[in-house]
């Protein structure tokens, strides 16, 4: 089987269900998938204590250096997310297991699941190899899914997925892998295999990040502010909105008073410069 036909092969198997044919699911695949979903449920239901100390990992090495510097040097106070986030985590794990079941049922070879790798002292765990190539399995919203499907991930990759893939491939000495992604809203699938030139030079990137983490002061900001409306106001780049360090990062905004937060109908907007105060409630 060839990796480039993976999605078509899965769809081909699924399409037979509409024709009244049985899905190609062996007892072995059924038992394996059920066992792994059980393991995912148990791991989710019984979270182990995690080391709170910062460490550079393949899963975060591609994130902006300033964000990593803050995470290492200025730990934030932990906050309790909304309980619904736990449901999101749970079905994300289950969807990934179901997706790998579909890969196997379509006749493709899945190996090296959760294999530990190390590149220049940075550790990580690959999701799997499919037909001998490194594949990272992702569940995504419609917005994120379209970035993979349209090949735009390299242009907007705040979580460092491209670096993660590059690191895994460097460790495995391969170069034809990619991302198998499921749209968790529609069930659509895509296989995105980035061009080699779109992937970061991971060895150099790791060295650059390690140097940045040794600096006495934070590296340059990850993203520049962007205009809010046409009256001269400026706001955070959307990739900064959910960063735990945005208030620390922009404490010099608005002439030293810090970020100003306004309650728009679409949600809070963080202004780095206020030329004209918006006619909405300001969150104090």
Protein backbone atom coordinates (compact mmCIF):
# COMPACT_ATOMS: atom_id res chain seq x y z
CA UNK A 1 0.00 0.00 0.00
CA UNK A 2 1.12 3.56 -0.71
CA UNK A 3 0.75 6.32 1.84
CA UNK A 4 -0.50 8.81 -0.75
CA UNK A 5 -3.67 6.75 -1.34
CA UNK A 6 -4.42 6.41 2.38
CA UNK A 7 -7.51 8.65 2.61
CA UNK A 8 -9.01 7.28 -0.61
CA UNK A 9 -8.45 3.74 0.64
CA UNK A 10 -10.22 4.51 3.94
CA UNK A 11 -13.11 6.20 2.12
CA UNK A 12 -13.31 3.20 -0.21
CA UNK A 13 -13.85 0.86 2.72
CA UNK A 14 -16.36 3.18 4.37
CA UNK A 15 -18.29 3.65 1.14
CA UNK A 16 -19.07 -0.06 1.00
CA UNK A 17 -21.28 0.36 4.06
CA UNK A 18 -23.73 2.39 1.95
CA UNK A 19 -23.87 -0.55 -0.46
CA UNK A 20 -24.80 -2.97 2.28
CA UNK A 21 -21.36 -4.60 2.46
CA UNK A 22 -19.67 -5.36 5.76
CA UNK A 23 -16.79 -3.16 6.85
CA UNK A 24 -13.38 -4.84 6.68
CA UNK A 25 -12.87 -5.15 10.43
CA UNK A 26 -11.15 -8.30 11.67
CA UNK A 27 -11.57 -9.72 15.15
CA UNK A 28 -7.94 -8.81 15.81
CA UNK A 29 -8.51 -5.17 14.81
CA UNK A 30 -11.70 -5.05 16.86
CA UNK A 31 -10.01 -6.40 19.97
CA UNK A 32 -6.99 -4.12 19.52
CA UNK A 33 -9.12 -1.00 19.08
CA UNK A 34 -11.39 -1.86 22.00
CA UNK A 35 -8.35 -2.50 24.21
CA UNK A 36 -6.71 0.79 23.26
CA UNK A 37 -9.88 2.78 23.76
CA UNK A 38 -10.15 1.15 27.19
CA UNK A 39 -6.56 2.20 27.94
CA UNK A 40 -7.37 5.75 26.79
CA UNK A 41 -10.41 5.85 29.06
CA UNK A 42 -8.42 4.62 32.04
CA UNK A 43 -5.58 7.08 31.39
CA UNK A 44 -8.11 9.90 31.11
CA UNK A 45 -10.05 8.85 34.20
CA UNK A 46 -6.97 8.39 36.38
CA UNK A 47 -4.59 11.24 35.58
CA UNK A 48 -1.14 10.81 37.05
CA UNK A 49 0.74 13.61 38.72
CA UNK A 50 2.78 15.45 36.12
CA UNK A 51 6.09 17.14 36.63
CA UNK A 52 5.34 20.85 36.79
CA UNK A 53 8.91 21.82 35.90
CA UNK A 54 9.48 23.15 32.40
CA UNK A 55 11.33 20.96 29.93
CA UNK A 56 12.05 21.33 26.23
CA UNK A 57 10.23 18.57 24.35
CA UNK A 58 9.59 17.77 20.72
CA UNK A 59 5.96 18.73 21.27
CA UNK A 60 6.87 22.31 22.24
CA UNK A 61 10.20 23.02 20.52
CA UNK A 62 8.40 24.66 17.59
CA UNK A 63 6.47 27.12 19.71
CA UNK A 64 7.63 30.77 19.84
CA UNK A 65 10.86 31.21 21.82
CA UNK A 66 9.46 34.08 23.91
CA UNK A 67 6.54 31.96 25.06
CA UNK A 68 8.89 29.14 26.02
CA UNK A 69 11.15 31.60 27.87
CA UNK A 70 8.23 32.80 29.97
CA UNK A 71 7.12 29.24 30.64
CA UNK A 72 10.61 28.38 31.90
CA UNK A 73 11.31 31.54 33.89
CA UNK A 74 7.93 32.88 35.03
CA UNK A 75 5.63 29.97 35.85
CA UNK A 76 1.99 31.07 35.91
CA UNK A 77 -0.43 30.26 38.67
CA UNK A 78 -2.45 27.24 37.69
CA UNK A 79 -6.10 27.85 36.90
CA UNK A 80 -8.85 25.28 36.62
CA UNK A 81 -10.24 25.12 33.07
CA UNK A 82 -13.92 24.58 32.36
CA UNK A 83 -14.92 20.92 32.96
CA UNK A 84 -16.05 20.60 29.33
CA UNK A 85 -12.39 20.60 28.31
CA UNK A 86 -12.08 17.11 29.78
CA UNK A 87 -14.71 15.88 27.32
CA UNK A 88 -12.71 17.42 24.48
CA UNK A 89 -9.58 15.59 25.64
CA UNK A 90 -11.48 12.32 25.92
CA UNK A 91 -13.06 12.23 22.50
CA UNK A 92 -9.80 13.45 20.95
CA UNK A 93 -8.00 10.36 22.26
CA UNK A 94 -10.83 8.06 21.19
CA UNK A 95 -11.04 9.57 17.71
CA UNK A 96 -7.33 8.99 17.17
CA UNK A 97 -7.70 5.31 18.06
CA UNK A 98 -10.67 4.97 15.71
CA UNK A 99 -8.72 6.68 12.94
CA UNK A 100 -5.83 4.23 13.27
CA UNK A 101 -8.36 1.39 13.21
CA UNK A 102 -9.61 2.71 9.87
CA UNK A 103 -6.03 2.90 8.58
CA UNK A 104 -5.41 -0.75 9.42
CA UNK A 105 -8.78 -1.82 8.02
CA UNK A 106 -7.91 -0.09 4.73
CA UNK A 107 -4.88 -2.37 4.40
CA UNK A 108 -2.11 0.00 5.48
CA UNK A 109 0.66 -0.95 7.88
CA UNK A 110 0.77 0.81 11.27
CA UNK A 111 3.95 0.46 13.34
CA UNK A 112 6.08 2.21 15.98
CA UNK A 113 3.16 3.64 17.92
CA UNK A 114 4.38 5.97 20.72
CA UNK A 115 8.02 5.17 20.00
CA UNK A 116 10.36 7.40 22.02
CA UNK A 117 12.91 9.40 20.03
CA UNK A 118 15.64 11.92 20.91
CA UNK A 119 17.16 14.70 18.79
CA UNK A 120 19.97 16.79 20.31
CA UNK A 121 18.77 15.93 23.79
CA UNK A 122 15.12 16.77 23.08
CA UNK A 123 12.79 13.81 23.59
CA UNK A 124 9.46 13.03 21.98
CA UNK A 125 7.07 10.22 21.13
CA UNK A 126 5.91 9.66 17.56
CA UNK A 127 2.25 8.78 17.08
CA UNK A 128 3.08 6.05 14.59
CA UNK A 129 4.52 5.13 11.22
CA UNK A 130 2.18 4.27 8.39
CA UNK A 131 3.68 2.29 5.50
CA UNK A 132 7.12 3.09 6.90
CA UNK A 133 6.70 6.88 7.12
CA UNK A 134 6.27 9.02 10.24
CA UNK A 135 2.66 10.17 10.61
CA UNK A 136 1.33 12.51 13.27
CA UNK A 137 -2.38 11.95 13.94
CA UNK A 138 -4.44 15.07 14.68
CA UNK A 139 -8.05 15.86 15.53
CA UNK A 140 -8.97 19.36 14.41
CA UNK A 141 -11.71 21.96 14.29
CA UNK A 142 -12.96 23.03 10.87
CA UNK A 143 -10.64 26.07 10.90
CA UNK A 144 -7.54 24.05 11.78
CA UNK A 145 -8.52 21.20 9.45
CA UNK A 146 -8.62 23.57 6.49
CA UNK A 147 -5.04 24.67 7.22
CA UNK A 148 -3.90 21.07 6.83
CA UNK A 149 -6.10 20.31 3.82
CA UNK A 150 -5.07 23.45 1.96
CA UNK A 151 -1.37 23.09 2.83
CA UNK A 152 -1.24 26.36 4.81
CA UNK A 153 0.13 25.00 8.08
CA UNK A 154 3.64 26.35 7.52
CA UNK A 155 2.17 29.88 7.26
CA UNK A 156 0.31 29.65 10.58
CA UNK A 157 1.69 27.08 13.00
CA UNK A 158 1.44 28.48 16.56
CA UNK A 159 1.75 25.06 18.18
CA UNK A 160 4.87 24.04 16.25
CA UNK A 161 3.43 20.99 14.52
CA UNK A 162 5.86 21.28 11.60
CA UNK A 163 8.84 21.28 13.97
CA UNK A 164 7.40 18.26 15.76
CA UNK A 165 7.17 16.32 12.48
CA UNK A 166 10.64 17.46 11.42
CA UNK A 167 12.07 16.24 14.72
CA UNK A 168 10.44 12.85 14.43
CA UNK A 169 11.67 12.45 10.87
CA UNK A 170 15.18 13.54 11.81
CA UNK A 171 15.26 10.83 14.47
CA UNK A 172 13.88 8.18 12.11
CA UNK A 173 15.96 9.32 9.10
CA UNK A 174 12.89 9.63 6.89
CA UNK A 175 11.36 12.53 4.97
CA UNK A 176 8.07 11.54 3.32
CA UNK A 177 5.75 11.59 6.32
CA UNK A 178 2.99 13.97 7.28
CA UNK A 179 -0.20 14.56 9.20
CA UNK A 180 -3.32 12.41 9.15
CA UNK A 181 -6.09 14.73 10.29
CA UNK A 182 -9.76 14.23 11.10
CA UNK A 183 -12.24 17.09 11.19
CA UNK A 184 -13.97 16.37 14.49
CA UNK A 185 -17.06 18.30 13.35
CA UNK A 186 -17.68 16.60 9.99
CA UNK A 187 -15.62 13.40 10.05
CA UNK A 188 -13.67 14.45 6.94
CA UNK A 189 -10.11 13.19 6.60
CA UNK A 190 -7.01 14.60 4.97
CA UNK A 191 -3.38 13.56 4.66
CA UNK A 192 -1.03 16.52 4.55
CA UNK A 193 2.54 15.72 3.53
CA UNK A 194 4.56 18.94 3.67
CA UNK A 195 7.24 19.75 1.12
CA UNK A 196 10.73 19.31 2.51
CA UNK A 197 11.47 23.04 2.10
CA UNK A 198 8.45 23.88 4.30
CA UNK A 199 9.84 21.94 7.24
CA UNK A 200 12.20 23.74 9.64
CA UNK A 201 15.84 22.72 9.94
CA UNK A 202 15.18 21.04 13.26
CA UNK A 203 18.77 20.66 14.49
CA UNK A 204 19.41 24.36 14.00
CA UNK A 205 16.04 25.27 15.51
CA UNK A 206 16.73 23.27 18.66
CA UNK A 207 20.08 25.05 19.07
CA UNK A 208 18.42 28.45 18.55
CA UNK A 209 15.69 27.73 21.11
CA UNK A 210 18.19 26.46 23.68
CA UNK A 211 20.21 29.69 23.30
CA UNK A 212 17.04 31.79 23.67
CA UNK A 213 16.12 29.98 26.88
CA UNK A 214 19.48 30.96 28.40
CA UNK A 215 18.91 34.70 27.84
CA UNK A 216 18.55 36.96 30.87
CA UNK A 217 15.62 38.78 29.26
CA UNK A 218 12.81 37.51 27.02
CA UNK A 219 13.46 37.09 23.27
CA UNK A 220 11.54 39.37 20.86
CA UNK A 221 7.75 39.17 20.83
CA UNK A 222 6.21 36.26 18.97
CA UNK A 223 3.73 38.37 16.97
CA UNK A 224 3.21 42.05 16.29
CA UNK A 225 0.01 43.84 17.29
CA UNK A 226 -2.61 44.24 14.56
CA UNK A 227 -5.11 47.05 13.87
CA UNK A 228 -8.50 46.97 15.57
CA UNK A 229 -10.92 48.98 13.46
CA UNK A 230 -9.96 52.18 11.59
CA UNK A 231 -9.44 54.63 14.47
CA UNK A 232 -5.85 53.78 15.32
CA UNK A 233 -6.46 51.17 18.01
CA UNK A 234 -4.17 48.12 18.08
CA UNK A 235 -4.89 44.68 19.51
CA UNK A 236 -3.12 41.40 20.18
CA UNK A 237 -2.49 39.02 17.30
CA UNK A 238 -5.08 36.25 17.53
CA UNK A 239 -2.37 33.68 18.39
CA UNK A 240 -1.63 35.69 21.56
CA UNK A 241 -5.21 35.75 22.87
CA UNK A 242 -4.99 32.45 24.73
CA UNK A 243 -1.36 32.78 25.85
CA UNK A 244 -1.01 32.61 29.63
CA UNK A 245 1.74 35.25 29.50
CA UNK A 246 0.03 37.97 27.45
CA UNK A 247 -0.32 40.41 30.36
CA UNK A 248 3.32 39.97 31.39
CA UNK A 249 4.46 40.15 27.77
CA UNK A 250 2.57 43.40 27.13
CA UNK A 251 2.95 45.06 30.51
CA UNK A 252 4.48 48.07 28.70
CA UNK A 253 1.45 48.46 26.42
CA UNK A 254 -0.76 51.56 26.55
CA UNK A 255 2.09 53.76 27.80
CA UNK A 256 3.00 51.38 30.59
CA UNK A 257 -0.48 50.61 31.94
CA UNK A 258 -0.60 47.22 30.23
CA UNK A 259 -3.25 45.56 28.13
CA UNK A 260 -6.77 46.98 28.17
CA UNK A 261 -9.54 44.44 27.76
CA UNK A 262 -12.87 45.28 26.12
CA UNK A 263 -15.93 43.04 26.09
CA UNK A 264 -16.98 42.75 22.45
CA UNK A 265 -19.91 40.54 21.37
CA UNK A 266 -17.41 38.12 19.83
CA UNK A 267 -15.47 37.86 23.09
CA UNK A 268 -12.78 39.82 24.96
CA UNK A 269 -10.45 41.95 22.85
CA UNK A 270 -7.02 42.84 24.21
CA UNK A 271 -5.88 46.28 23.10
CA UNK A 272 -2.20 47.15 23.14
CA UNK A 273 -2.84 50.76 22.13
CA UNK A 274 -6.06 52.74 22.59
CA UNK A 275 -6.38 55.81 20.40
CA UNK A 276 -10.16 55.99 20.74
CA UNK A 277 -11.89 54.04 23.51
CA UNK A 278 -14.36 51.48 22.09
CA UNK A 279 -18.03 51.96 22.91
CA UNK A 280 -18.23 48.65 24.73
CA UNK A 281 -17.68 47.65 28.33
CA UNK A 282 -14.09 47.63 29.53
CA UNK A 283 -13.15 44.69 31.73
CA UNK A 284 -11.26 45.89 34.79
